[in-house]
PDB file of N, CA and C in Angstrom:
ATOM      1  N   MET A   1       0.842  -1.173   0.000  1.00  0.00           N
ATOM      2  CA  MET A   1       0.000   0.000   0.000  1.00  0.00           C
ATOM      3  C   MET A   1       0.891   1.242   0.000  1.00  0.00           C
ATOM      4  N   LYS A   2       0.589   2.134  -0.896  1.00  0.00           N
ATOM      5  CA  LYS A   2       1.351   3.376  -0.987  1.00  0.00           C
ATOM      6  C   LYS A   2       0.917   4.325   0.122  1.00  0.00           C
ATOM      7  N   ILE A   3       1.810   5.240   0.436  1.00  0.00           N
ATOM      8  CA  ILE A   3       1.509   6.203   1.501  1.00  0.00           C
ATOM      9  C   ILE A   3       0.339   7.105   1.114  1.00  0.00           C
ATOM     10  N   SER A   4       0.187   7.385  -0.174  1.00  0.00           N
ATOM     11  CA  SER A   4      -0.946   8.213  -0.612  1.00  0.00           C
ATOM     12  C   SER A   4      -2.261   7.463  -0.388  1.00  0.00           C
ATOM     13  N   GLN A   5      -2.265   6.163  -0.626  1.00  0.00           N
ATOM     14  CA  GLN A   5      -3.460   5.363  -0.370  1.00  0.00           C
ATOM     15  C   GLN A   5      -3.762   5.328   1.123  1.00  0.00           C
ATOM     16  N   TYR A   6      -2.710   5.215   1.911  1.00  0.00           N
ATOM     17  CA  TYR A   6      -2.888   5.214   3.367  1.00  0.00           C
ATOM     18  C   TYR A   6      -3.438   6.562   3.836  1.00  0.00           C
ATOM     19  N   GLY A   7      -2.956   7.643   3.246  1.00  0.00           N
ATOM     20  CA  GLY A   7      -3.451   8.975   3.597  1.00  0.00           C
ATOM     21  C   GLY A   7      -4.931   9.127   3.291  1.00  0.00           C
ATOM     22  N   ILE A   8      -5.351   8.628   2.152  1.00  0.00           N
ATOM     23  CA  ILE A   8      -6.771   8.690   1.777  1.00  0.00           C
ATOM     24  C   ILE A   8      -7.601   7.824   2.727  1.00  0.00           C
ATOM     25  N   LEU A   9      -7.101   6.632   3.026  1.00  0.00           N
ATOM     26  CA  LEU A   9      -7.790   5.736   3.952  1.00  0.00           C
ATOM     27  C   LEU A   9      -7.906   6.369   5.336  1.00  0.00           C
ATOM     28  N   THR A  10      -6.860   7.023   5.778  1.00  0.00           N
ATOM     29  CA  THR A  10      -6.866   7.686   7.079  1.00  0.00           C
ATOM     30  C   THR A  10      -7.857   8.845   7.105  1.00  0.00           C
ATOM     31  N   LEU A  11      -7.842   9.654   6.059  1.00  0.00           N
ATOM     32  CA  LEU A  11      -8.777  10.770   5.969  1.00  0.00           C
ATOM     33  C   LEU A  11     -10.221  10.272   5.973  1.00  0.00           C
ATOM     34  N   PHE A  12     -10.482   9.227   5.185  1.00  0.00           N
ATOM     35  CA  PHE A  12     -11.825   8.637   5.155  1.00  0.00           C
ATOM     36  C   PHE A  12     -12.225   8.131   6.538  1.00  0.00           C
ATOM     37  N   SER A  13     -11.305   7.477   7.225  1.00  0.00           N
ATOM     38  CA  SER A  13     -11.597   6.947   8.564  1.00  0.00           C
ATOM     39  C   SER A  13     -11.901   8.064   9.546  1.00  0.00           C
ATOM     40  N   CYS A  14     -11.141   9.143   9.489  1.00  0.00           N
ATOM     41  CA  CYS A  14     -11.383  10.284  10.388  1.00  0.00           C
ATOM     42  C   CYS A  14     -12.740  10.921  10.113  1.00  0.00           C
ATOM     43  N   LEU A  15     -13.064  11.084   8.844  1.00  0.00           N
ATOM     44  CA  LEU A  15     -14.357  11.679   8.485  1.00  0.00           C
ATOM     45  C   LEU A  15     -15.514  10.770   8.893  1.00  0.00           C
ATOM     46  N   LEU A  16     -15.355   9.465   8.668  1.00  0.00           N
ATOM     47  CA  LEU A  16     -16.394   8.512   9.045  1.00  0.00           C
ATOM     48  C   LEU A  16     -16.590   8.492  10.567  1.00  0.00           C
ATOM     49  N   ALA A  17     -15.496   8.469  11.298  1.00  0.00           N
ATOM     50  CA  ALA A  17     -15.591   8.465  12.764  1.00  0.00           C
ATOM     51  C   ALA A  17     -16.265   9.738  13.266  1.00  0.00           C
ATOM     52  N   THR A  18     -15.903  10.874  12.692  1.00  0.00           N
ATOM     53  CA  THR A  18     -16.506  12.147  13.094  1.00  0.00           C
ATOM     54  C   THR A  18     -17.993  12.164  12.791  1.00  0.00           C
ATOM     55  N   GLY A  19     -18.355  11.694  11.605  1.00  0.00           N
ATOM     56  CA  GLY A  19     -19.777  11.622  11.247  1.00  0.00           C
ATOM     57  C   GLY A  19     -20.561  10.716  12.168  1.00  0.00           C
ATOM     58  N   LEU A  20     -20.003   9.550  12.478  1.00  0.00           N
ATOM     59  CA  LEU A  20     -20.680   8.626  13.383  1.00  0.00           C
ATOM     60  C   LEU A  20     -20.790   9.193  14.802  1.00  0.00           C
ATOM     61  N   PHE A  21     -19.775   9.925  15.214  1.00  0.00           N
ATOM     62  CA  PHE A  21     -19.832  10.547  16.537  1.00  0.00           C
ATOM     63  C   PHE A  21     -20.995  11.534  16.627  1.00  0.00           C
ATOM     64  N   TYR A  22     -21.103  12.407  15.630  1.00  0.00           N
ATOM     65  CA  TYR A  22     -22.179  13.392  15.672  1.00  0.00           C
ATOM     66  C   TYR A  22     -23.539  12.734  15.461  1.00  0.00           C
ATOM     67  N   LEU A  23     -23.576  11.657  14.706  1.00  0.00           N
ATOM     68  CA  LEU A  23     -24.818  10.906  14.541  1.00  0.00           C
ATOM     69  C   LEU A  23     -25.219  10.215  15.850  1.00  0.00           C
ATOM     70  N   SER A  24     -24.233   9.784  16.617  1.00  0.00           N
ATOM     71  CA  SER A  24     -24.533   9.099  17.886  1.00  0.00           C
ATOM     72  C   SER A  24     -25.230  10.015  18.883  1.00  0.00           C
ATOM     73  N   SER A  25     -25.113  11.321  18.698  1.00  0.00           N
ATOM     74  CA  SER A  25     -25.767  12.243  19.628  1.00  0.00           C
ATOM     75  C   SER A  25     -27.288  12.175  19.515  1.00  0.00           C
ATOM     76  N   VAL A  26     -27.777  11.623  18.425  1.00  0.00           N
ATOM     77  CA  VAL A  26     -29.217  11.447  18.271  1.00  0.00           C
ATOM     78  C   VAL A  26     -29.739  10.405  19.263  1.00  0.00           C
ATOM     79  N   PHE A  27     -28.901   9.417  19.572  1.00  0.00           N
ATOM     80  CA  PHE A  27     -29.325   8.295  20.414  1.00  0.00           C
ATOM     81  C   PHE A  27     -28.986   8.472  21.890  1.00  0.00           C
ATOM     82  N   GLY A  28     -28.101   9.382  22.196  1.00  0.00           N
ATOM     83  CA  GLY A  28     -27.725   9.575  23.597  1.00  0.00           C
ATOM     84  C   GLY A  28     -26.953  10.855  23.783  1.00  0.00           C
ATOM     85  N   ASP A  29     -26.555  11.068  25.006  1.00  0.00           N
ATOM     86  CA  ASP A  29     -25.882  12.310  25.385  1.00  0.00           C
ATOM     87  C   ASP A  29     -24.366  12.173  25.197  1.00  0.00           C
ATOM     88  N   THR A  30     -23.925  12.112  23.939  1.00  0.00           N
ATOM     89  CA  THR A  30     -22.503  11.914  23.672  1.00  0.00           C
ATOM     90  C   THR A  30     -21.751  13.203  23.363  1.00  0.00           C
ATOM     91  N   LEU A  31     -22.458  14.239  22.968  1.00  0.00           N
ATOM     92  CA  LEU A  31     -21.769  15.476  22.562  1.00  0.00           C
ATOM     93  C   LEU A  31     -20.992  16.134  23.692  1.00  0.00           C
ATOM     94  N   ILE A  32     -21.376  15.876  24.924  1.00  0.00           N
ATOM     95  CA  ILE A  32     -20.626  16.476  26.030  1.00  0.00           C
ATOM     96  C   ILE A  32     -19.248  15.832  26.188  1.00  0.00           C
ATOM     97  N   TYR A  33     -19.035  14.736  25.482  1.00  0.00           N
ATOM     98  CA  TYR A  33     -17.742  14.049  25.541  1.00  0.00           C
ATOM     99  C   TYR A  33     -16.928  14.246  24.269  1.00  0.00           C
ATOM    100  N   GLN A  34     -17.095  15.406  23.642  1.00  0.00           N
ATOM    101  CA  GLN A  34     -16.320  15.731  22.442  1.00  0.00           C
ATOM    102  C   GLN A  34     -14.827  15.699  22.711  1.00  0.00           C
ATOM    103  N   ASP A  35     -14.431  16.137  23.887  1.00  0.00           N
ATOM    104  CA  ASP A  35     -13.004  16.131  24.201  1.00  0.00           C
ATOM    105  C   ASP A  35     -12.430  14.716  24.132  1.00  0.00           C
ATOM    106  N   PHE A  36     -13.160  13.757  24.658  1.00  0.00           N
ATOM    107  CA  PHE A  36     -12.685  12.368  24.638  1.00  0.00           C
ATOM    108  C   PHE A  36     -12.701  11.807  23.222  1.00  0.00           C
ATOM    109  N   PHE A  37     -13.668  12.242  22.426  1.00  0.00           N
ATOM    110  CA  PHE A  37     -13.691  11.814  21.031  1.00  0.00           C
ATOM    111  C   PHE A  37     -12.414  12.260  20.311  1.00  0.00           C
ATOM    112  N   TRP A  38     -12.067  13.543  20.458  1.00  0.00           N
ATOM    113  CA  TRP A  38     -10.897  14.067  19.754  1.00  0.00           C
ATOM    114  C   TRP A  38      -9.595  13.483  20.307  1.00  0.00           C
ATOM    115  N   ILE A  39      -9.536  13.293  21.614  1.00  0.00           N
ATOM    116  CA  ILE A  39      -8.345  12.673  22.212  1.00  0.00           C
ATOM    117  C   ILE A  39      -8.168  11.263  21.678  1.00  0.00           C
ATOM    118  N   SER A  40      -9.245  10.480  21.663  1.00  0.00           N
ATOM    119  CA  SER A  40      -9.130   9.096  21.186  1.00  0.00           C
ATOM    120  C   SER A  40      -8.896   9.042  19.682  1.00  0.00           C
ATOM    121  N   LEU A  41      -9.435   9.989  18.926  1.00  0.00           N
ATOM    122  CA  LEU A  41      -9.180  10.023  17.486  1.00  0.00           C
ATOM    123  C   LEU A  41      -7.689  10.236  17.219  1.00  0.00           C
ATOM    124  N   VAL A  42      -7.095  11.199  17.886  1.00  0.00           N
ATOM    125  CA  VAL A  42      -5.656  11.455  17.713  1.00  0.00           C
ATOM    126  C   VAL A  42      -4.848  10.255  18.194  1.00  0.00           C
ATOM    127  N   PHE A  43      -5.244   9.665  19.306  1.00  0.00           N
ATOM    128  CA  PHE A  43      -4.562   8.489  19.845  1.00  0.00           C
ATOM    129  C   PHE A  43      -4.545   7.353  18.822  1.00  0.00           C
ATOM    130  N   PHE A  44      -5.698   7.012  18.276  1.00  0.00           N
ATOM    131  CA  PHE A  44      -5.761   5.911  17.311  1.00  0.00           C
ATOM    132  C   PHE A  44      -5.115   6.271  15.982  1.00  0.00           C
ATOM    133  N   LEU A  45      -5.170   7.522  15.608  1.00  0.00           N
ATOM    134  CA  LEU A  45      -4.500   7.963  14.388  1.00  0.00           C
ATOM    135  C   LEU A  45      -2.989   7.791  14.519  1.00  0.00           C
ATOM    136  N   LEU A  46      -2.438   8.198  15.633  1.00  0.00           N
ATOM    137  CA  LEU A  46      -1.000   8.041  15.861  1.00  0.00           C
ATOM    138  C   LEU A  46      -0.603   6.572  15.952  1.00  0.00           C
ATOM    139  N   LEU A  47      -1.388   5.788  16.667  1.00  0.00           N
ATOM    140  CA  LEU A  47      -1.091   4.372  16.813  1.00  0.00           C
ATOM    141  C   LEU A  47      -1.153   3.654  15.462  1.00  0.00           C
ATOM    142  N   ALA A  48      -2.170   3.939  14.668  1.00  0.00           N
ATOM    143  CA  ALA A  48      -2.308   3.322  13.345  1.00  0.00           C
ATOM    144  C   ALA A  48      -1.154   3.725  12.438  1.00  0.00           C
ATOM    145  N   SER A  49      -0.723   4.964  12.525  1.00  0.00           N
ATOM    146  CA  SER A  49       0.380   5.432  11.682  1.00  0.00           C
ATOM    147  C   SER A  49       1.696   4.755  12.056  1.00  0.00           C
ATOM    148  N   VAL A  50       1.948   4.602  13.343  1.00  0.00           N
ATOM    149  CA  VAL A  50       3.164   3.921  13.792  1.00  0.00           C
ATOM    150  C   VAL A  50       3.177   2.486  13.283  1.00  0.00           C
ATOM    151  N   ILE A  51       2.065   1.794  13.411  1.00  0.00           N
ATOM    152  CA  ILE A  51       1.987   0.408  12.952  1.00  0.00           C
ATOM    153  C   ILE A  51       2.130   0.332  11.434  1.00  0.00           C
ATOM    154  N   PHE A  52       1.509   1.250  10.713  1.00  0.00           N
ATOM    155  CA  PHE A  52       1.619   1.253   9.254  1.00  0.00           C
ATOM    156  C   PHE A  52       3.066   1.397   8.816  1.00  0.00           C
ATOM    157  N   PHE A  53       3.761   2.384   9.370  1.00  0.00           N
ATOM    158  CA  PHE A  53       5.144   2.601   8.950  1.00  0.00           C
ATOM    159  C   PHE A  53       6.072   1.481   9.403  1.00  0.00           C
ATOM    160  N   ALA A  54       5.801   0.898  10.566  1.00  0.00           N
ATOM    161  CA  ALA A  54       6.602  -0.242  11.029  1.00  0.00           C
ATOM    162  C   ALA A  54       6.389  -1.444  10.111  1.00  0.00           C
ATOM    163  N   ALA A  55       5.159  -1.698   9.728  1.00  0.00           N
ATOM    164  CA  ALA A  55       4.866  -2.814   8.824  1.00  0.00           C
ATOM    165  C   ALA A  55       5.489  -2.578   7.458  1.00  0.00           C
ATOM    166  N   GLN A  56       5.403  -1.352   6.960  1.00  0.00           N
ATOM    167  CA  GLN A  56       6.026  -1.018   5.672  1.00  0.00           C
ATOM    168  C   GLN A  56       7.533  -1.255   5.741  1.00  0.00           C
ATOM    169  N   TYR A  57       8.153  -0.845   6.812  1.00  0.00           N
ATOM    170  CA  TYR A  57       9.597  -1.000   6.992  1.00  0.00           C
ATOM    171  C   TYR A  57       9.994  -2.481   7.003  1.00  0.00           C
ATOM    172  N   ILE A  58       9.246  -3.278   7.728  1.00  0.00           N
ATOM    173  CA  ILE A  58       9.571  -4.702   7.827  1.00  0.00           C
ATOM    174  C   ILE A  58       9.420  -5.397   6.484  1.00  0.00           C
ATOM    175  N   VAL A  59       8.368  -5.089   5.764  1.00  0.00           N
ATOM    176  CA  VAL A  59       8.162  -5.706   4.451  1.00  0.00           C
ATOM    177  C   VAL A  59       9.247  -5.246   3.474  1.00  0.00           C
ATOM    178  N   ARG A  60       9.594  -3.965   3.533  1.00  0.00           N
ATOM    179  CA  ARG A  60      10.632  -3.422   2.647  1.00  0.00           C
ATOM    180  C   ARG A  60      11.987  -4.061   2.918  1.00  0.00           C
ATOM    181  N   LYS A  61      12.261  -4.388   4.165  1.00  0.00           N
ATOM    182  CA  LYS A  61      13.535  -5.012   4.531  1.00  0.00           C
ATOM    183  C   LYS A  61      13.550  -6.509   4.224  1.00  0.00           C
ATOM    184  N   GLY A  62      12.426  -7.049   3.795  1.00  0.00           N
ATOM    185  CA  GLY A  62      12.371  -8.457   3.449  1.00  0.00           C
ATOM    186  C   GLY A  62      12.210  -9.381   4.636  1.00  0.00           C
ATOM    187  N   GLN A  63      11.783  -8.859   5.754  1.00  0.00           N
ATOM    188  CA  GLN A  63      11.605  -9.661   6.963  1.00  0.00           C
ATOM    189  C   GLN A  63      10.131  -9.997   7.145  1.00  0.00           C
ATOM    190  N   LYS A  64       9.585 -10.693   6.178  1.00  0.00           N
ATOM    191  CA  LYS A  64       8.153 -10.981   6.211  1.00  0.00           C
ATOM    192  C   LYS A  64       7.771 -11.862   7.390  1.00  0.00           C
ATOM    193  N   GLY A  65       8.708 -12.642   7.907  1.00  0.00           N
ATOM    194  CA  GLY A  65       8.435 -13.455   9.088  1.00  0.00           C
ATOM    195  C   GLY A  65       8.148 -12.598  10.311  1.00  0.00           C
ATOM    196  N   SER A  66       8.723 -11.406  10.339  1.00  0.00           N
ATOM    197  CA  SER A  66       8.494 -10.495  11.465  1.00  0.00           C
ATOM    198  C   SER A  66       7.180  -9.737  11.342  1.00  0.00           C
ATOM    199  N   PHE A  67       6.548  -9.842  10.190  1.00  0.00           N
ATOM    200  CA  PHE A  67       5.297  -9.124   9.962  1.00  0.00           C
ATOM    201  C   PHE A  67       4.222  -9.587  10.948  1.00  0.00           C
ATOM    202  N   ILE A  68       4.135 -10.885  11.172  1.00  0.00           N
ATOM    203  CA  ILE A  68       3.138 -11.409  12.105  1.00  0.00           C
ATOM    204  C   ILE A  68       3.414 -10.913  13.517  1.00  0.00           C
ATOM    205  N   SER A  69       4.681 -10.705  13.832  1.00  0.00           N
ATOM    206  CA  SER A  69       5.024 -10.159  15.148  1.00  0.00           C
ATOM    207  C   SER A  69       4.493  -8.744  15.303  1.00  0.00           C
ATOM    208  N   ILE A  70       4.568  -7.966  14.244  1.00  0.00           N
ATOM    209  CA  ILE A  70       4.029  -6.600  14.266  1.00  0.00           C
ATOM    210  C   ILE A  70       2.519  -6.642  14.501  1.00  0.00           C
ATOM    211  N   VAL A  71       1.842  -7.548  13.830  1.00  0.00           N
ATOM    212  CA  VAL A  71       0.387  -7.647  13.975  1.00  0.00           C
ATOM    213  C   VAL A  71       0.020  -8.029  15.414  1.00  0.00           C
ATOM    214  N   ILE A  72       0.696  -9.017  15.968  1.00  0.00           N
ATOM    215  CA  ILE A  72       0.420  -9.442  17.341  1.00  0.00           C
ATOM    216  C   ILE A  72       0.757  -8.325  18.331  1.00  0.00           C
ATOM    217  N   PHE A  73       1.889  -7.675  18.119  1.00  0.00           N
ATOM    218  CA  PHE A  73       2.293  -6.555  18.965  1.00  0.00           C
ATOM    219  C   PHE A  73       1.248  -5.442  18.908  1.00  0.00           C
ATOM    220  N   ASN A  74       0.740  -5.176  17.721  1.00  0.00           N
ATOM    221  CA  ASN A  74      -0.280  -4.149  17.539  1.00  0.00           C
ATOM    222  C   ASN A  74      -1.526  -4.462  18.353  1.00  0.00           C
ATOM    223  N   VAL A  75      -1.995  -5.695  18.274  1.00  0.00           N
ATOM    224  CA  VAL A  75      -3.200  -6.083  19.008  1.00  0.00           C
ATOM    225  C   VAL A  75      -2.980  -5.920  20.511  1.00  0.00           C
ATOM    226  N   LEU A  76      -1.862  -6.410  20.997  1.00  0.00           N
ATOM    227  CA  LEU A  76      -1.567  -6.349  22.423  1.00  0.00           C
ATOM    228  C   LEU A  76      -1.418  -4.903  22.911  1.00  0.00           C
ATOM    229  N   MET A  77      -0.616  -4.122  22.206  1.00  0.00           N
ATOM    230  CA  MET A  77      -0.395  -2.739  22.628  1.00  0.00           C
ATOM    231  C   MET A  77      -1.660  -1.894  22.509  1.00  0.00           C
ATOM    232  N   LYS A  78      -2.449  -2.142  21.472  1.00  0.00           N
ATOM    233  CA  LYS A  78      -3.681  -1.393  21.309  1.00  0.00           C
ATOM    234  C   LYS A  78      -4.631  -1.676  22.467  1.00  0.00           C
ATOM    235  N   LEU A  79      -4.699  -2.920  22.870  1.00  0.00           N
ATOM    236  CA  LEU A  79      -5.562  -3.292  23.985  1.00  0.00           C
ATOM    237  C   LEU A  79      -5.100  -2.640  25.280  1.00  0.00           C
ATOM    238  N   ILE A  80      -3.823  -2.755  25.590  1.00  0.00           N
ATOM    239  CA  ILE A  80      -3.282  -2.191  26.825  1.00  0.00           C
ATOM    240  C   ILE A  80      -3.400  -0.668  26.838  1.00  0.00           C
ATOM    241  N   LEU A  81      -2.983  -0.034  25.745  1.00  0.00           N
ATOM    242  CA  LEU A  81      -3.039   1.425  25.686  1.00  0.00           C
ATOM    243  C   LEU A  81      -4.477   1.954  25.687  1.00  0.00           C
ATOM    244  N   SER A  82      -5.389   1.202  25.080  1.00  0.00           N
ATOM    245  CA  SER A  82      -6.798   1.614  25.078  1.00  0.00           C
ATOM    246  C   SER A  82      -7.383   1.586  26.485  1.00  0.00           C
ATOM    247  N   PHE A  83      -7.112   0.507  27.216  1.00  0.00           N
ATOM    248  CA  PHE A  83      -7.567   0.453  28.607  1.00  0.00           C
ATOM    249  C   PHE A  83      -6.958   1.608  29.404  1.00  0.00           C
ATOM    250  N   GLY A  84      -5.696   1.877  29.155  1.00  0.00           N
ATOM    251  CA  GLY A  84      -5.030   2.979  29.846  1.00  0.00           C
ATOM    252  C   GLY A  84      -5.647   4.318  29.531  1.00  0.00           C
ATOM    253  N   LEU A  85      -5.999   4.542  28.274  1.00  0.00           N
ATOM    254  CA  LEU A  85      -6.615   5.807  27.874  1.00  0.00           C
ATOM    255  C   LEU A  85      -7.971   5.987  28.539  1.00  0.00           C
ATOM    256  N   VAL A  86      -8.787   4.949  28.534  1.00  0.00           N
ATOM    257  CA  VAL A  86     -10.108   5.034  29.172  1.00  0.00           C
ATOM    258  C   VAL A  86      -9.957   5.254  30.676  1.00  0.00           C
ATOM    259  N   TYR A  87      -9.047   4.527  31.282  1.00  0.00           N
ATOM    260  CA  TYR A  87      -8.806   4.682  32.724  1.00  0.00           C
ATOM    261  C   TYR A  87      -8.357   6.108  33.044  1.00  0.00           C
ATOM    262  N   TRP A  88      -7.432   6.635  32.248  1.00  0.00           N
ATOM    263  CA  TRP A  88      -6.956   8.009  32.446  1.00  0.00           C
ATOM    264  C   TRP A  88      -8.108   9.007  32.341  1.00  0.00           C
ATOM    265  N   TYR A  89      -8.955   8.839  31.331  1.00  0.00           N
ATOM    266  CA  TYR A  89     -10.060   9.771  31.141  1.00  0.00           C
ATOM    267  C   TYR A  89     -11.031   9.721  32.312  1.00  0.00           C
ATOM    268  N   VAL A  90     -11.345   8.518  32.771  1.00  0.00           N
ATOM    269  CA  VAL A  90     -12.266   8.374  33.908  1.00  0.00           C
ATOM    270  C   VAL A  90     -11.673   9.017  35.159  1.00  0.00           C
ATOM    271  N   GLN A  91     -10.379   8.808  35.400  1.00  0.00           N
ATOM    272  CA  GLN A  91      -9.733   9.352  36.591  1.00  0.00           C
ATOM    273  C   GLN A  91      -9.614  10.870  36.545  1.00  0.00           C
ATOM    274  N   THR A  92      -9.351  11.426  35.368  1.00  0.00           N
ATOM    275  CA  THR A  92      -9.143  12.872  35.287  1.00  0.00           C
ATOM    276  C   THR A  92     -10.430  13.668  35.093  1.00  0.00           C
ATOM    277  N   ASN A  93     -11.428  13.083  34.444  1.00  0.00           N
ATOM    278  CA  ASN A  93     -12.634  13.841  34.124  1.00  0.00           C
ATOM    279  C   ASN A  93     -13.883  13.382  34.865  1.00  0.00           C
ATOM    280  N   GLY A  94     -13.871  12.189  35.397  1.00  0.00           N
ATOM    281  CA  GLY A  94     -15.033  11.688  36.131  1.00  0.00           C
ATOM    282  C   GLY A  94     -16.326  11.832  35.365  1.00  0.00           C
ATOM    283  N   PRO A  95     -16.456  11.144  34.237  1.00  0.00           N
ATOM    284  CA  PRO A  95     -17.679  11.292  33.425  1.00  0.00           C
ATOM    285  C   PRO A  95     -18.927  10.942  34.232  1.00  0.00           C
ATOM    286  N   GLN A  96     -19.997  11.679  33.975  1.00  0.00           N
ATOM    287  CA  GLN A  96     -21.232  11.525  34.736  1.00  0.00           C
ATOM    288  C   GLN A  96     -22.122  10.398  34.223  1.00  0.00           C
ATOM    289  N   SER A  97     -21.894   9.944  33.004  1.00  0.00           N
ATOM    290  CA  SER A  97     -22.707   8.858  32.456  1.00  0.00           C
ATOM    291  C   SER A  97     -21.797   7.896  31.692  1.00  0.00           C
ATOM    292  N   LYS A  98     -22.377   6.776  31.346  1.00  0.00           N
ATOM    293  CA  LYS A  98     -21.609   5.777  30.606  1.00  0.00           C
ATOM    294  C   LYS A  98     -21.536   6.090  29.111  1.00  0.00           C
ATOM    295  N   TRP A  99     -22.179   7.143  28.688  1.00  0.00           N
ATOM    296  CA  TRP A  99     -22.151   7.543  27.281  1.00  0.00           C
ATOM    297  C   TRP A  99     -20.757   7.980  26.846  1.00  0.00           C
ATOM    298  N   PHE A 100     -19.865   8.253  27.792  1.00  0.00           N
ATOM    299  CA  PHE A 100     -18.519   8.704  27.430  1.00  0.00           C
ATOM    300  C   PHE A 100     -17.757   7.653  26.634  1.00  0.00           C
ATOM    301  N   VAL A 101     -18.138   6.391  26.779  1.00  0.00           N
ATOM    302  CA  VAL A 101     -17.410   5.321  26.098  1.00  0.00           C
ATOM    303  C   VAL A 101     -17.784   5.236  24.611  1.00  0.00           C
ATOM    304  N   ILE A 102     -18.897   5.774  24.206  1.00  0.00           N
ATOM    305  CA  ILE A 102     -19.330   5.703  22.801  1.00  0.00           C
ATOM    306  C   ILE A 102     -18.343   6.397  21.862  1.00  0.00           C
ATOM    307  N   PRO A 103     -17.884   7.617  22.148  1.00  0.00           N
ATOM    308  CA  PRO A 103     -16.892   8.233  21.254  1.00  0.00           C
ATOM    309  C   PRO A 103     -15.619   7.388  21.122  1.00  0.00           C
ATOM    310  N   PHE A 104     -15.196   6.800  22.236  1.00  0.00           N
ATOM    311  CA  PHE A 104     -14.017   5.944  22.209  1.00  0.00           C
ATOM    312  C   PHE A 104     -14.250   4.720  21.332  1.00  0.00           C
ATOM    313  N   LEU A 105     -15.388   4.061  21.520  1.00  0.00           N
ATOM    314  CA  LEU A 105     -15.678   2.844  20.755  1.00  0.00           C
ATOM    315  C   LEU A 105     -15.815   3.118  19.266  1.00  0.00           C
ATOM    316  N   ILE A 106     -16.372   4.255  18.920  1.00  0.00           N
ATOM    317  CA  ILE A 106     -16.471   4.621  17.502  1.00  0.00           C
ATOM    318  C   ILE A 106     -15.075   4.674  16.894  1.00  0.00           C
ATOM    319  N   ASN A 107     -14.176   5.389  17.550  1.00  0.00           N
ATOM    320  CA  ASN A 107     -12.806   5.483  17.039  1.00  0.00           C
ATOM    321  C   ASN A 107     -12.110   4.134  17.039  1.00  0.00           C
ATOM    322  N   TYR A 108     -12.292   3.372  18.101  1.00  0.00           N
ATOM    323  CA  TYR A 108     -11.652   2.061  18.203  1.00  0.00           C
ATOM    324  C   TYR A 108     -12.065   1.167  17.035  1.00  0.00           C
ATOM    325  N   LEU A 109     -13.360   1.090  16.773  1.00  0.00           N
ATOM    326  CA  LEU A 109     -13.847   0.221  15.700  1.00  0.00           C
ATOM    327  C   LEU A 109     -13.428   0.703  14.318  1.00  0.00           C
ATOM    328  N   ILE A 110     -13.571   1.980  14.053  1.00  0.00           N
ATOM    329  CA  ILE A 110     -13.211   2.518  12.735  1.00  0.00           C
ATOM    330  C   ILE A 110     -11.721   2.318  12.468  1.00  0.00           C
ATOM    331  N   PHE A 111     -10.886   2.643  13.431  1.00  0.00           N
ATOM    332  CA  PHE A 111      -9.449   2.527  13.214  1.00  0.00           C
ATOM    333  C   PHE A 111      -8.965   1.077  13.229  1.00  0.00           C
ATOM    334  N   THR A 112      -9.664   0.193  13.917  1.00  0.00           N
ATOM    335  CA  THR A 112      -9.315  -1.227  13.865  1.00  0.00           C
ATOM    336  C   THR A 112      -9.604  -1.779  12.481  1.00  0.00           C
ATOM    337  N   ILE A 113     -10.729  -1.415  11.915  1.00  0.00           N
ATOM    338  CA  ILE A 113     -11.066  -1.841  10.553  1.00  0.00           C
ATOM    339  C   ILE A 113     -10.053  -1.273   9.570  1.00  0.00           C
ATOM    340  N   MET A 114      -9.708   0.011   9.729  1.00  0.00           N
ATOM    341  CA  MET A 114      -8.744   0.641   8.835  1.00  0.00           C
ATOM    342  C   MET A 114      -7.381  -0.042   8.923  1.00  0.00           C
ATOM    343  N   GLU A 115      -6.906  -0.306  10.148  1.00  0.00           N
ATOM    344  CA  GLU A 115      -5.606  -0.960  10.330  1.00  0.00           C
ATOM    345  C   GLU A 115      -5.596  -2.350   9.718  1.00  0.00           C
ATOM    346  N   THR A 116      -6.662  -3.083   9.929  1.00  0.00           N
ATOM    347  CA  THR A 116      -6.752  -4.437   9.381  1.00  0.00           C
ATOM    348  C   THR A 116      -6.674  -4.403   7.866  1.00  0.00           C
ATOM    349  N   TYR A 117      -7.401  -3.477   7.264  1.00  0.00           N
ATOM    350  CA  TYR A 117      -7.371  -3.340   5.806  1.00  0.00           C
ATOM    351  C   TYR A 117      -5.970  -2.960   5.329  1.00  0.00           C
ATOM    352  N   ALA A 118      -5.380  -1.982   5.973  1.00  0.00           N
ATOM    353  CA  ALA A 118      -4.030  -1.523   5.559  1.00  0.00           C
ATOM    354  C   ALA A 118      -3.001  -2.631   5.737  1.00  0.00           C
ATOM    355  N   LEU A 119      -3.032  -3.340   6.858  1.00  0.00           N
ATOM    356  CA  LEU A 119      -2.068  -4.408   7.072  1.00  0.00           C
ATOM    357  C   LEU A 119      -2.269  -5.560   6.095  1.00  0.00           C
ATOM    358  N   THR A 120      -3.515  -5.821   5.728  1.00  0.00           N
ATOM    359  CA  THR A 120      -3.781  -6.859   4.725  1.00  0.00           C
ATOM    360  C   THR A 120      -3.186  -6.469   3.379  1.00  0.00           C
ATOM    361  N   LYS A 121      -3.354  -5.209   3.006  1.00  0.00           N
ATOM    362  CA  LYS A 121      -2.780  -4.741   1.730  1.00  0.00           C
ATOM    363  C   LYS A 121      -1.256  -4.763   1.761  1.00  0.00           C
ATOM    364  N   ILE A 122      -0.673  -4.427   2.888  1.00  0.00           N
ATOM    365  CA  ILE A 122       0.792  -4.487   3.020  1.00  0.00           C
ATOM    366  C   ILE A 122       1.259  -5.925   2.907  1.00  0.00           C
ATOM    367  N   ALA A 123       0.560  -6.845   3.547  1.00  0.00           N
ATOM    368  CA  ALA A 123       0.938  -8.256   3.517  1.00  0.00           C
ATOM    369  C   ALA A 123       0.834  -8.838   2.105  1.00  0.00           C
ATOM    370  N   GLU A 124      -0.130  -8.348   1.339  1.00  0.00           N
ATOM    371  CA  GLU A 124      -0.298  -8.837  -0.026  1.00  0.00           C
ATOM    372  C   GLU A 124       0.799  -8.345  -0.968  1.00  0.00           C
ATOM    373  N   SER A 125       1.456  -7.267  -0.614  1.00  0.00           N
ATOM    374  CA  SER A 125       2.472  -6.695  -1.511  1.00  0.00           C
ATOM    375  C   SER A 125       3.803  -7.403  -1.396  1.00  0.00           C
TER     376      SER A 125
END
């Protein structure tokens, strides 16, 4: 996958996540957690970019056996860091309702799908 394709995929993911976030306000009180939405969007954007460039580097170096290690590392680190981000937000902001998790989950799902697609395309190359 070329970096330009990744850029388009990333832009699409950000726009889709933003649209879904604002759409979610129809079903519950999520707009008061805009700060957490933007924090988690930047968090997942940075994490996805690091994994993309690491995977590109490994494939370019011809170490395709290490590619699976990157994928496993990504899953593990994403899980640990995600729990940490939610824990940090709860401790620092003390959200009043459970709706605060919806902005996070929107970003988590959109960026997980995006990463999976990008890593699949990298693996195919």
